Amino acid sequence: MPEFDVLSFGETMAMLVADQSGDLASVDQFHKRIAGADSNVAIGLARLGFQVAWLSRVGADSLGRFVVQTLEREGLDCRHVAVDPAHPTGFQFKSRTDDGSDPQVEYFRRGSAASHLSIDSIAPPLLRARHLHATGIVPALSDTARAMSFELMSRMREAGRSLSFDPNLRPSLWASEALMISEINRHAALAHWVLPGLGEGRLLTGFDDPADIAAFYLDQGAEVVVIKLGPDGAYYRTQLGQGFVAGVPVSRVVDTVGAGDGFAVGLISALLEGRDVSEAVQRANWIGSRAVQSRGDMEGLPTRQELLAEFETADREQARSHKARR
């Protein structure tokens, strides 16, 4: 039996979030949180009751201790987070916005401990996880991190595990756009479930239409491709069919960061539970909508109890509506 339901890996940074809106240069007070797309997804899955292992590196510093303590409080197994005495924990500054616009984010991660992930970081027990979630961020951190990411995905695929992949493009971390496209698509070809945003899919494949973008990845070996369409919802395609699931309306957008990570949490959790793709995308849209209504990168991710309450209520309302039409 697998020791873990899910293995995820990447860089978790410390994040200093402005307490006042406005340009970061003018802000006097900040509070401390954590940030990282890969660990956002890991936290979201842990909140839904999955056993999640986290593979990473942090510096031998106070920010590294803060990162690990926070992840452990969220239920992640951090036994395979190495402490690097020679390189620091990455961090970022994030502005506060009150109008739903994208916040200003400044990164201080070059040469960080996590950028020194390597193939040697892969511990054999991790390969027994049932599912691997990967993103395109780790391959952008360094040559050694890229090699580790590809090796880990290859080994898990060979072992018969399921793999999900979110491109999560970070162009500023790559030496060139051409290298980014080539490497991201090389990684995506190892995944069973591929989750690009529409803009990402257009850049990575050269196609404009979601159906053509999805077909590109299906031809590479994916089983499920879901194209995120922001507030409009998502398009999905498999070898057996395709469909569209409308987005969940929200009255006020508070913070857009983390919406895609919430979407990934919904999709992965539902597919691991054996739900069909349309149900999985519905859950993904709902969790993504929660994320944009909460201040913070992962604060809006639901617990299992909150998830059940939402969908039990929706099921009851649907049943009442169906009965009234009869």
C-alpha atoms as a PDB file:
ATOM      1  CA  MET A   1       0.000   0.000   0.000  1.00  0.00           C
ATOM      2  CA  PRO A   2       1.299   3.515  -0.801  1.00  0.00           C
ATOM      3  CA  GLU A   3       2.454   5.439   2.255  1.00  0.00           C
ATOM      4  CA  PHE A   4       1.168   8.677   0.729  1.00  0.00           C
ATOM      5  CA  ASP A   5      -1.811   9.537  -1.433  1.00  0.00           C
ATOM      6  CA  VAL A   6       0.000  12.430  -3.092  1.00  0.00           C
ATOM      7  CA  LEU A   7       3.584  13.560  -3.534  1.00  0.00           C
ATOM      8  CA  SER A   8       4.201  17.184  -4.429  1.00  0.00           C
ATOM      9  CA  PHE A   9       7.478  19.070  -4.693  1.00  0.00           C
ATOM     10  CA  GLY A  10       8.788  22.554  -5.279  1.00  0.00           C
ATOM     11  CA  GLU A  11       9.692  25.768  -3.533  1.00  0.00           C
ATOM     12  CA  THR A  12       7.748  27.277  -0.663  1.00  0.00           C
ATOM     13  CA  MET A  13       8.816  30.852  -0.007  1.00  0.00           C
ATOM     14  CA  ALA A  14       8.233  33.063   2.952  1.00  0.00           C
ATOM     15  CA  MET A  15       5.942  35.931   1.945  1.00  0.00           C
ATOM     16  CA  LEU A  16       5.757  39.389   3.466  1.00  0.00           C
ATOM     17  CA  VAL A  17       2.297  40.784   2.714  1.00  0.00           C
ATOM     18  CA  ALA A  18       1.587  44.504   2.921  1.00  0.00           C
ATOM     19  CA  ASP A  19      -0.940  45.578   5.540  1.00  0.00           C
ATOM     20  CA  GLN A  20      -1.832  48.708   3.571  1.00  0.00           C
ATOM     21  CA  SER A  21      -2.671  49.132  -0.090  1.00  0.00           C
ATOM     22  CA  GLY A  22      -0.415  51.102  -2.395  1.00  0.00           C
ATOM     23  CA  ASP A  23       3.065  50.802  -3.828  1.00  0.00           C
ATOM     24  CA  LEU A  24       5.330  48.462  -1.872  1.00  0.00           C
ATOM     25  CA  ALA A  25       7.915  51.203  -1.456  1.00  0.00           C
ATOM     26  CA  SER A  26       5.427  53.236   0.582  1.00  0.00           C
ATOM     27  CA  VAL A  27       4.210  50.433   2.860  1.00  0.00           C
ATOM     28  CA  ASP A  28       5.536  50.446   6.432  1.00  0.00           C
ATOM     29  CA  GLN A  29       3.996  47.284   7.871  1.00  0.00           C
ATOM     30  CA  PHE A  30       3.867  43.702   6.597  1.00  0.00           C
ATOM     31  CA  HIS A  31       2.792  40.348   7.980  1.00  0.00           C
ATOM     32  CA  LYS A  32       4.367  36.981   7.287  1.00  0.00           C
ATOM     33  CA  ARG A  33       2.827  34.092   5.360  1.00  0.00           C
ATOM     34  CA  ILE A  34       4.020  31.394   2.970  1.00  0.00           C
ATOM     35  CA  ALA A  35       3.731  31.257  -0.811  1.00  0.00           C
ATOM     36  CA  GLY A  36       4.298  28.728  -3.567  1.00  0.00           C
ATOM     37  CA  ALA A  37       1.967  27.260  -6.169  1.00  0.00           C
ATOM     38  CA  ASP A  38       3.150  23.689  -5.622  1.00  0.00           C
ATOM     39  CA  SER A  39       2.707  23.804  -1.860  1.00  0.00           C
ATOM     40  CA  ASN A  40      -0.645  25.589  -2.229  1.00  0.00           C
ATOM     41  CA  VAL A  41      -1.933  22.519  -4.052  1.00  0.00           C
ATOM     42  CA  ALA A  42      -0.356  20.203  -1.488  1.00  0.00           C
ATOM     43  CA  ILE A  43      -2.040  22.123   1.345  1.00  0.00           C
ATOM     44  CA  GLY A  44      -5.386  22.086  -0.437  1.00  0.00           C
ATOM     45  CA  LEU A  45      -5.263  18.324  -0.879  1.00  0.00           C
ATOM     46  CA  ALA A  46      -4.226  17.825   2.756  1.00  0.00           C
ATOM     47  CA  ARG A  47      -7.198  19.913   3.902  1.00  0.00           C
ATOM     48  CA  LEU A  48      -9.430  17.539   1.956  1.00  0.00           C
ATOM     49  CA  GLY A  49      -8.045  14.579   3.884  1.00  0.00           C
ATOM     50  CA  PHE A  50      -5.349  13.236   1.575  1.00  0.00           C
ATOM     51  CA  GLN A  51      -2.005  12.096   2.970  1.00  0.00           C
ATOM     52  CA  VAL A  52       0.464  14.424   1.260  1.00  0.00           C
ATOM     53  CA  ALA A  53       4.257  14.279   1.214  1.00  0.00           C
ATOM     54  CA  TRP A  54       6.232  17.439   0.453  1.00  0.00           C
ATOM     55  CA  LEU A  55       9.696  17.355  -1.161  1.00  0.00           C
ATOM     56  CA  SER A  56      11.729  20.562  -0.993  1.00  0.00           C
ATOM     57  CA  ARG A  57      14.697  22.427   0.454  1.00  0.00           C
ATOM     58  CA  VAL A  58      14.835  25.421   2.795  1.00  0.00           C
ATOM     59  CA  GLY A  59      17.701  27.419   4.224  1.00  0.00           C
ATOM     60  CA  ALA A  60      19.070  26.996   7.728  1.00  0.00           C
ATOM     61  CA  ASP A  61      17.390  30.239   8.726  1.00  0.00           C
ATOM     62  CA  SER A  62      14.332  31.567  10.518  1.00  0.00           C
ATOM     63  CA  LEU A  63      12.319  31.821   7.296  1.00  0.00           C
ATOM     64  CA  GLY A  64      13.029  28.171   6.544  1.00  0.00           C
ATOM     65  CA  ARG A  65      11.862  27.150  10.014  1.00  0.00           C
ATOM     66  CA  PHE A  66       8.739  29.253   9.546  1.00  0.00           C
ATOM     67  CA  VAL A  67       7.993  27.604   6.192  1.00  0.00           C
ATOM     68  CA  VAL A  68       8.343  24.059   7.523  1.00  0.00           C
ATOM     69  CA  GLN A  69       6.365  24.767  10.694  1.00  0.00           C
ATOM     70  CA  THR A  70       3.523  26.255   8.646  1.00  0.00           C
ATOM     71  CA  LEU A  71       3.431  23.331   6.214  1.00  0.00           C
ATOM     72  CA  GLU A  72       3.422  20.824   9.058  1.00  0.00           C
ATOM     73  CA  ARG A  73       0.538  22.650  10.737  1.00  0.00           C
ATOM     74  CA  GLU A  74      -1.343  22.247   7.462  1.00  0.00           C
ATOM     75  CA  GLY A  75      -0.844  18.482   7.662  1.00  0.00           C
ATOM     76  CA  LEU A  76       1.973  17.973   5.150  1.00  0.00           C
ATOM     77  CA  ASP A  77       4.608  15.322   5.775  1.00  0.00           C
ATOM     78  CA  CYS A  78       7.854  17.303   5.634  1.00  0.00           C
ATOM     79  CA  ARG A  79      10.346  14.541   6.455  1.00  0.00           C
ATOM     80  CA  HIS A  80      11.868  14.996   3.004  1.00  0.00           C
ATOM     81  CA  VAL A  81      12.396  18.754   3.244  1.00  0.00           C
ATOM     82  CA  ALA A  82      16.181  19.192   3.415  1.00  0.00           C
ATOM     83  CA  VAL A  83      17.780  22.022   5.357  1.00  0.00           C
ATOM     84  CA  ASP A  84      20.508  23.664   3.278  1.00  0.00           C
ATOM     85  CA  PRO A  85      23.207  25.401   5.367  1.00  0.00           C
ATOM     86  CA  ALA A  86      24.763  27.109   2.337  1.00  0.00           C
ATOM     87  CA  HIS A  87      21.743  28.739   0.617  1.00  0.00           C
ATOM     88  CA  PRO A  88      18.847  30.837   1.949  1.00  0.00           C
ATOM     89  CA  THR A  89      15.116  30.318   1.952  1.00  0.00           C
ATOM     90  CA  GLY A  90      13.488  32.268  -0.879  1.00  0.00           C
ATOM     91  CA  PHE A  91      11.015  35.008  -0.026  1.00  0.00           C
ATOM     92  CA  GLN A  92       8.768  37.547  -1.684  1.00  0.00           C
ATOM     93  CA  PHE A  93       6.948  40.807  -1.025  1.00  0.00           C
ATOM     94  CA  LYS A  94       3.282  41.058  -1.999  1.00  0.00           C
ATOM     95  CA  SER A  95       1.197  44.223  -2.160  1.00  0.00           C
ATOM     96  CA  ARG A  96      -2.344  44.572  -0.889  1.00  0.00           C
ATOM     97  CA  THR A  97      -5.075  45.337  -3.409  1.00  0.00           C
ATOM     98  CA  ASP A  98      -8.654  46.257  -2.557  1.00  0.00           C
ATOM     99  CA  ASP A  99     -10.167  46.370  -6.043  1.00  0.00           C
ATOM    100  CA  GLY A 100      -9.646  42.785  -7.220  1.00  0.00           C
ATOM    101  CA  SER A 101      -6.662  43.658  -9.418  1.00  0.00           C
ATOM    102  CA  ASP A 102      -3.536  41.498  -9.486  1.00  0.00           C
ATOM    103  CA  PRO A 103      -1.206  42.389  -6.610  1.00  0.00           C
ATOM    104  CA  GLN A 104       2.368  43.533  -7.082  1.00  0.00           C
ATOM    105  CA  VAL A 105       4.802  40.730  -6.219  1.00  0.00           C
ATOM    106  CA  GLU A 106       8.577  41.000  -5.927  1.00  0.00           C
ATOM    107  CA  TYR A 107      10.622  37.784  -5.668  1.00  0.00           C
ATOM    108  CA  PHE A 108      13.932  37.165  -3.920  1.00  0.00           C
ATOM    109  CA  ARG A 109      14.559  33.542  -4.842  1.00  0.00           C
ATOM    110  CA  ARG A 110      17.600  33.408  -7.138  1.00  0.00           C
ATOM    111  CA  GLY A 111      20.135  30.980  -5.668  1.00  0.00           C
ATOM    112  CA  SER A 112      17.688  29.839  -2.991  1.00  0.00           C
ATOM    113  CA  ALA A 113      17.913  26.513  -1.204  1.00  0.00           C
ATOM    114  CA  ALA A 114      15.068  25.103  -3.294  1.00  0.00           C
ATOM    115  CA  SER A 115      16.845  25.995  -6.522  1.00  0.00           C
ATOM    116  CA  HIS A 116      19.470  23.440  -5.454  1.00  0.00           C
ATOM    117  CA  LEU A 117      17.044  20.537  -5.599  1.00  0.00           C
ATOM    118  CA  SER A 118      18.619  17.721  -7.616  1.00  0.00           C
ATOM    119  CA  ILE A 119      18.140  14.092  -8.569  1.00  0.00           C
ATOM    120  CA  ASP A 120      19.857  13.219  -5.274  1.00  0.00           C
ATOM    121  CA  SER A 121      16.857  14.766  -3.495  1.00  0.00           C
ATOM    122  CA  ILE A 122      14.599  11.895  -4.612  1.00  0.00           C
ATOM    123  CA  ALA A 123      14.238   9.449  -1.715  1.00  0.00           C
ATOM    124  CA  PRO A 124      12.974   5.970  -2.722  1.00  0.00           C
ATOM    125  CA  PRO A 125      10.056   5.936  -0.227  1.00  0.00           C
ATOM    126  CA  LEU A 126       8.524   8.926  -2.030  1.00  0.00           C
ATOM    127  CA  LEU A 127       8.140   6.865  -5.189  1.00  0.00           C
ATOM    128  CA  ARG A 128       5.497   4.751  -3.451  1.00  0.00           C
ATOM    129  CA  ALA A 129       3.024   7.655  -3.433  1.00  0.00           C
ATOM    130  CA  ARG A 130      -0.194   6.974  -5.330  1.00  0.00           C
ATOM    131  CA  HIS A 131      -0.144  10.251  -7.281  1.00  0.00           C
ATOM    132  CA  LEU A 132       2.407  12.906  -8.226  1.00  0.00           C
ATOM    133  CA  HIS A 133       1.511  16.547  -8.805  1.00  0.00           C
ATOM    134  CA  ALA A 134       4.060  18.648 -10.674  1.00  0.00           C
ATOM    135  CA  THR A 135       4.231  22.142 -12.137  1.00  0.00           C
ATOM    136  CA  GLY A 136       6.421  24.007 -14.579  1.00  0.00           C
ATOM    137  CA  ILE A 137       7.912  26.130 -11.803  1.00  0.00           C
ATOM    138  CA  VAL A 138      10.498  23.652 -10.522  1.00  0.00           C
ATOM    139  CA  PRO A 139      12.048  23.101 -13.997  1.00  0.00           C
ATOM    140  CA  ALA A 140      12.535  26.869 -14.201  1.00  0.00           C
ATOM    141  CA  LEU A 141      14.477  27.154 -10.926  1.00  0.00           C
ATOM    142  CA  SER A 142      17.782  25.659 -12.097  1.00  0.00           C
ATOM    143  CA  ASP A 143      19.316  22.977 -14.282  1.00  0.00           C
ATOM    144  CA  THR A 144      19.545  20.561 -11.339  1.00  0.00           C
ATOM    145  CA  ALA A 145      15.939  21.194 -10.295  1.00  0.00           C
ATOM    146  CA  ARG A 146      14.815  20.632 -13.884  1.00  0.00           C
ATOM    147  CA  ALA A 147      16.668  17.334 -14.044  1.00  0.00           C
ATOM    148  CA  MET A 148      15.093  16.252 -10.746  1.00  0.00           C
ATOM    149  CA  SER A 149      11.606  17.191 -11.896  1.00  0.00           C
ATOM    150  CA  PHE A 150      11.885  15.219 -15.128  1.00  0.00           C
ATOM    151  CA  GLU A 151      13.482  12.227 -13.403  1.00  0.00           C
ATOM    152  CA  LEU A 152      10.830  12.133 -10.683  1.00  0.00           C
ATOM    153  CA  MET A 153       7.996  12.363 -13.194  1.00  0.00           C
ATOM    154  CA  SER A 154       9.613   9.672 -15.365  1.00  0.00           C
ATOM    155  CA  ARG A 155      10.074   7.277 -12.445  1.00  0.00           C
ATOM    156  CA  MET A 156       6.525   7.765 -11.211  1.00  0.00           C
ATOM    157  CA  ARG A 157       5.127   7.226 -14.695  1.00  0.00           C
ATOM    158  CA  GLU A 158       7.191   4.045 -15.104  1.00  0.00           C
ATOM    159  CA  ALA A 159       5.919   2.836 -11.716  1.00  0.00           C
ATOM    160  CA  GLY A 160       2.331   3.138 -12.906  1.00  0.00           C
ATOM    161  CA  ARG A 161       1.401   6.120 -10.711  1.00  0.00           C
ATOM    162  CA  SER A 162      -0.955   8.841 -11.908  1.00  0.00           C
ATOM    163  CA  LEU A 163       0.566  12.263 -12.661  1.00  0.00           C
ATOM    164  CA  SER A 164      -0.939  15.731 -12.933  1.00  0.00           C
ATOM    165  CA  PHE A 165       0.880  18.713 -14.416  1.00  0.00           C
ATOM    166  CA  ASP A 166       0.097  22.428 -14.282  1.00  0.00           C
ATOM    167  CA  PRO A 167       2.395  24.480 -16.565  1.00  0.00           C
ATOM    168  CA  ASN A 168       2.317  27.476 -14.192  1.00  0.00           C
ATOM    169  CA  LEU A 169       4.547  29.466 -16.526  1.00  0.00           C
ATOM    170  CA  ARG A 170       7.138  31.784 -14.988  1.00  0.00           C
ATOM    171  CA  PRO A 171       8.806  33.367 -18.071  1.00  0.00           C
ATOM    172  CA  SER A 172      11.132  35.559 -15.990  1.00  0.00           C
ATOM    173  CA  LEU A 173      12.847  32.450 -14.581  1.00  0.00           C
ATOM    174  CA  TRP A 174      13.747  31.013 -17.988  1.00  0.00           C
ATOM    175  CA  ALA A 175      16.734  31.882 -20.172  1.00  0.00           C
ATOM    176  CA  SER A 176      14.475  32.064 -23.230  1.00  0.00           C
ATOM    177  CA  GLU A 177      10.871  31.555 -24.255  1.00  0.00           C
ATOM    178  CA  ALA A 178      11.885  28.797 -26.658  1.00  0.00           C
ATOM    179  CA  LEU A 179      13.576  26.819 -23.870  1.00  0.00           C
ATOM    180  CA  MET A 180      10.549  27.301 -21.624  1.00  0.00           C
ATOM    181  CA  ILE A 181       8.132  25.996 -24.246  1.00  0.00           C
ATOM    182  CA  SER A 182      10.316  23.012 -25.095  1.00  0.00           C
ATOM    183  CA  GLU A 183      10.911  21.957 -21.485  1.00  0.00           C
ATOM    184  CA  ILE A 184       7.352  22.522 -20.278  1.00  0.00           C
ATOM    185  CA  ASN A 185       5.965  20.400 -23.109  1.00  0.00           C
ATOM    186  CA  ARG A 186       8.592  17.720 -22.440  1.00  0.00           C
ATOM    187  CA  HIS A 187       7.344  17.503 -18.853  1.00  0.00           C
ATOM    188  CA  ALA A 188       3.675  17.656 -19.858  1.00  0.00           C
ATOM    189  CA  ALA A 189       4.179  14.623 -22.092  1.00  0.00           C
ATOM    190  CA  LEU A 190       4.771  12.539 -18.952  1.00  0.00           C
ATOM    191  CA  ALA A 191       1.498  13.532 -17.269  1.00  0.00           C
ATOM    192  CA  HIS A 192      -1.916  11.895 -17.382  1.00  0.00           C
ATOM    193  CA  TRP A 193      -3.798  15.088 -16.448  1.00  0.00           C
ATOM    194  CA  VAL A 194      -2.636  18.413 -17.935  1.00  0.00           C
ATOM    195  CA  LEU A 195      -4.077  21.725 -16.674  1.00  0.00           C
ATOM    196  CA  PRO A 196      -2.975  24.792 -18.665  1.00  0.00           C
ATOM    197  CA  GLY A 197      -4.644  28.158 -18.626  1.00  0.00           C
ATOM    198  CA  LEU A 198      -5.914  29.353 -21.990  1.00  0.00           C
ATOM    199  CA  GLY A 199      -3.090  31.868 -22.456  1.00  0.00           C
ATOM    200  CA  GLU A 200      -0.518  29.292 -21.406  1.00  0.00           C
ATOM    201  CA  GLY A 201      -1.959  26.721 -23.782  1.00  0.00           C
ATOM    202  CA  ARG A 202      -1.841  29.146 -26.696  1.00  0.00           C
ATOM    203  CA  LEU A 203       1.793  30.002 -26.032  1.00  0.00           C
ATOM    204  CA  LEU A 204       2.874  26.397 -25.486  1.00  0.00           C
ATOM    205  CA  THR A 205       1.087  24.826 -28.459  1.00  0.00           C
ATOM    206  CA  GLY A 206       0.635  27.609 -31.012  1.00  0.00           C
ATOM    207  CA  PHE A 207      -3.100  26.878 -31.207  1.00  0.00           C
ATOM    208  CA  ASP A 208      -5.833  29.365 -30.286  1.00  0.00           C
ATOM    209  CA  ASP A 209      -8.864  27.148 -29.759  1.00  0.00           C
ATOM    210  CA  PRO A 210      -9.159  25.184 -26.477  1.00  0.00           C
ATOM    211  CA  ALA A 211     -10.120  22.030 -28.390  1.00  0.00           C
ATOM    212  CA  ASP A 212      -6.924  22.192 -30.443  1.00  0.00           C
ATOM    213  CA  ILE A 213      -4.793  22.916 -27.376  1.00  0.00           C
ATOM    214  CA  ALA A 214      -6.298  19.901 -25.626  1.00  0.00           C
ATOM    215  CA  ALA A 215      -5.771  17.706 -28.704  1.00  0.00           C
ATOM    216  CA  PHE A 216      -2.075  18.666 -28.720  1.00  0.00           C
ATOM    217  CA  TYR A 217      -1.597  17.216 -25.234  1.00  0.00           C
ATOM    218  CA  LEU A 218      -3.832  14.214 -25.845  1.00  0.00           C
ATOM    219  CA  ASP A 219      -1.628  13.362 -28.818  1.00  0.00           C
ATOM    220  CA  GLN A 220       1.393  13.503 -26.489  1.00  0.00           C
ATOM    221  CA  GLY A 221      -0.142  10.908 -24.176  1.00  0.00           C
ATOM    222  CA  ALA A 222      -2.360  12.788 -21.738  1.00  0.00           C
ATOM    223  CA  GLU A 223      -5.641  11.180 -20.705  1.00  0.00           C
ATOM    224  CA  VAL A 224      -7.411  14.336 -19.485  1.00  0.00           C
ATOM    225  CA  VAL A 225      -6.723  17.927 -20.527  1.00  0.00           C
ATOM    226  CA  VAL A 226      -8.513  20.796 -18.816  1.00  0.00           C
ATOM    227  CA  ILE A 227      -8.135  24.347 -20.133  1.00  0.00           C
ATOM    228  CA  LYS A 228      -8.748  26.977 -17.453  1.00  0.00           C
ATOM    229  CA  LEU A 229     -10.821  29.885 -18.774  1.00  0.00           C
ATOM    230  CA  GLY A 230     -10.754  32.102 -15.682  1.00  0.00           C
ATOM    231  CA  PRO A 231     -14.161  33.356 -14.527  1.00  0.00           C
ATOM    232  CA  ASP A 232     -15.795  31.767 -17.580  1.00  0.00           C
ATOM    233  CA  GLY A 233     -15.084  28.264 -16.271  1.00  0.00           C
ATOM    234  CA  ALA A 234     -13.152  25.495 -18.003  1.00  0.00           C
ATOM    235  CA  TYR A 235     -13.104  23.300 -21.099  1.00  0.00           C
ATOM    236  CA  TYR A 236     -12.120  19.654 -20.833  1.00  0.00           C
ATOM    237  CA  ARG A 237     -11.310  16.954 -23.329  1.00  0.00           C
ATOM    238  CA  THR A 238     -10.462  13.264 -23.147  1.00  0.00           C
ATOM    239  CA  GLN A 239     -10.094  10.573 -25.793  1.00  0.00           C
ATOM    240  CA  LEU A 240     -13.788   9.805 -25.259  1.00  0.00           C
ATOM    241  CA  GLY A 241     -15.392  13.245 -25.262  1.00  0.00           C
ATOM    242  CA  GLN A 242     -15.251  16.901 -24.373  1.00  0.00           C
ATOM    243  CA  GLY A 243     -17.283  19.500 -22.543  1.00  0.00           C
ATOM    244  CA  PHE A 244     -17.484  22.905 -20.918  1.00  0.00           C
ATOM    245  CA  VAL A 245     -18.305  23.700 -17.294  1.00  0.00           C
ATOM    246  CA  ALA A 246     -19.347  27.261 -16.507  1.00  0.00           C
ATOM    247  CA  GLY A 247     -17.535  29.213 -13.825  1.00  0.00           C
ATOM    248  CA  VAL A 248     -18.961  29.986 -10.407  1.00  0.00           C
ATOM    249  CA  PRO A 249     -20.083  33.629 -10.163  1.00  0.00           C
ATOM    250  CA  VAL A 250     -18.564  35.644  -7.312  1.00  0.00           C
ATOM    251  CA  SER A 251     -19.840  38.938  -5.977  1.00  0.00           C
ATOM    252  CA  ARG A 252     -16.384  40.382  -5.236  1.00  0.00           C
ATOM    253  CA  VAL A 253     -12.874  39.367  -6.215  1.00  0.00           C
ATOM    254  CA  VAL A 254     -10.463  39.997  -3.356  1.00  0.00           C
ATOM    255  CA  ASP A 255      -7.180  38.345  -4.436  1.00  0.00           C
ATOM    256  CA  THR A 256      -6.569  36.544  -7.730  1.00  0.00           C
ATOM    257  CA  VAL A 257      -3.352  34.813  -6.639  1.00  0.00           C
ATOM    258  CA  GLY A 258      -3.881  31.114  -6.009  1.00  0.00           C
ATOM    259  CA  ALA A 259      -7.039  30.681  -8.086  1.00  0.00           C
ATOM    260  CA  GLY A 260      -5.330  28.242 -10.449  1.00  0.00           C
ATOM    261  CA  ASP A 261      -3.920  26.309  -7.510  1.00  0.00           C
ATOM    262  CA  GLY A 262      -7.391  26.007  -6.034  1.00  0.00           C
ATOM    263  CA  PHE A 263      -8.637  24.776  -9.390  1.00  0.00           C
ATOM    264  CA  ALA A 264      -5.926  22.097  -9.395  1.00  0.00           C
ATOM    265  CA  VAL A 265      -6.913  21.002  -5.883  1.00  0.00           C
ATOM    266  CA  GLY A 266     -10.497  20.490  -6.984  1.00  0.00           C
ATOM    267  CA  LEU A 267      -9.666  18.618 -10.149  1.00  0.00           C
ATOM    268  CA  ILE A 268      -7.008  16.334  -8.671  1.00  0.00           C
ATOM    269  CA  SER A 269      -8.999  15.479  -5.545  1.00  0.00           C
ATOM    270  CA  ALA A 270     -12.119  14.589  -7.516  1.00  0.00           C
ATOM    271  CA  LEU A 271     -10.269  12.474 -10.086  1.00  0.00           C
ATOM    272  CA  LEU A 272      -8.428  10.621  -7.310  1.00  0.00           C
ATOM    273  CA  GLU A 273     -11.820   9.872  -5.785  1.00  0.00           C
ATOM    274  CA  GLY A 274     -12.962   8.352  -9.080  1.00  0.00           C
ATOM    275  CA  ARG A 275     -15.365  11.154 -10.065  1.00  0.00           C
ATOM    276  CA  ASP A 276     -15.994  11.749 -13.745  1.00  0.00           C
ATOM    277  CA  VAL A 277     -14.226  14.627 -15.449  1.00  0.00           C
ATOM    278  CA  SER A 278     -17.224  16.971 -15.585  1.00  0.00           C
ATOM    279  CA  GLU A 279     -17.779  16.563 -11.829  1.00  0.00           C
ATOM    280  CA  ALA A 280     -14.079  17.130 -11.231  1.00  0.00           C
ATOM    281  CA  VAL A 281     -14.124  20.360 -13.247  1.00  0.00           C
ATOM    282  CA  GLN A 282     -17.209  21.532 -11.371  1.00  0.00           C
ATOM    283  CA  ARG A 283     -15.394  21.055  -8.067  1.00  0.00           C
ATOM    284  CA  ALA A 284     -12.301  22.737  -9.508  1.00  0.00           C
ATOM    285  CA  ASN A 285     -14.307  25.798 -10.547  1.00  0.00           C
ATOM    286  CA  TRP A 286     -15.875  26.044  -7.106  1.00  0.00           C
ATOM    287  CA  ILE A 287     -12.591  25.883  -5.205  1.00  0.00           C
ATOM    288  CA  GLY A 288     -11.040  28.362  -7.631  1.00  0.00           C
ATOM    289  CA  SER A 289     -13.939  30.734  -6.941  1.00  0.00           C
ATOM    290  CA  ARG A 290     -13.330  30.435  -3.190  1.00  0.00           C
ATOM    291  CA  ALA A 291      -9.669  31.271  -3.670  1.00  0.00           C
ATOM    292  CA  VAL A 292     -10.355  34.625  -5.345  1.00  0.00           C
ATOM    293  CA  GLN A 293     -12.744  35.624  -2.555  1.00  0.00           C
ATOM    294  CA  SER A 294     -10.095  35.231   0.155  1.00  0.00           C
ATOM    295  CA  ARG A 295      -7.074  37.392   0.851  1.00  0.00           C
ATOM    296  CA  GLY A 296      -3.994  35.208   0.648  1.00  0.00           C
ATOM    297  CA  ASP A 297      -2.642  32.532  -1.660  1.00  0.00           C
ATOM    298  CA  MET A 298      -4.150  29.472   0.034  1.00  0.00           C
ATOM    299  CA  GLU A 299      -6.363  30.795   2.819  1.00  0.00           C
ATOM    300  CA  GLY A 300      -9.565  30.132   0.826  1.00  0.00           C
ATOM    301  CA  LEU A 301      -8.884  26.452   0.211  1.00  0.00           C
ATOM    302  CA  PRO A 302     -11.698  24.437   1.843  1.00  0.00           C
ATOM    303  CA  THR A 303     -11.675  21.643   4.367  1.00  0.00           C
ATOM    304  CA  ARG A 304     -13.382  18.338   3.582  1.00  0.00           C
ATOM    305  CA  GLN A 305     -16.319  19.399   5.767  1.00  0.00           C
ATOM    306  CA  GLU A 306     -16.752  22.651   3.833  1.00  0.00           C
ATOM    307  CA  LEU A 307     -16.552  20.785   0.524  1.00  0.00           C
ATOM    308  CA  LEU A 308     -19.184  18.256   1.572  1.00  0.00           C
ATOM    309  CA  ALA A 309     -21.476  20.959   2.912  1.00  0.00           C
ATOM    310  CA  GLU A 310     -21.330  22.886  -0.368  1.00  0.00           C
ATOM    311  CA  PHE A 311     -22.015  19.961  -2.656  1.00  0.00           C
ATOM    312  CA  GLU A 312     -24.569  18.282  -0.408  1.00  0.00           C
ATOM    313  CA  THR A 313     -26.493  21.576  -0.439  1.00  0.00           C
ATOM    314  CA  ALA A 314     -26.193  21.783  -4.230  1.00  0.00           C
ATOM    315  CA  ASP A 315     -27.371  18.171  -4.610  1.00  0.00           C
ATOM    316  CA  ARG A 316     -30.412  18.799  -2.393  1.00  0.00           C
ATOM    317  CA  GLU A 317     -31.333  21.936  -4.340  1.00  0.00           C
ATOM    318  CA  GLN A 318     -30.983  20.080  -7.637  1.00  0.00           C
ATOM    319  CA  ALA A 319     -33.189  17.264  -6.355  1.00  0.00           C
ATOM    320  CA  ARG A 320     -35.871  19.719  -5.196  1.00  0.00           C
ATOM    321  CA  SER A 321     -35.763  21.495  -8.556  1.00  0.00           C
ATOM    322  CA  HIS A 322     -36.107  18.200 -10.434  1.00  0.00           C
ATOM    323  CA  LYS A 323     -39.028  17.143  -8.234  1.00  0.00           C
ATOM    324  CA  ALA A 324     -40.814  20.473  -8.802  1.00  0.00           C
ATOM    325  CA  ARG A 325     -40.609  20.046 -12.584  1.00  0.00           C
ATOM    326  CA  ARG A 326     -42.207  16.622 -12.506  1.00  0.00           C
END
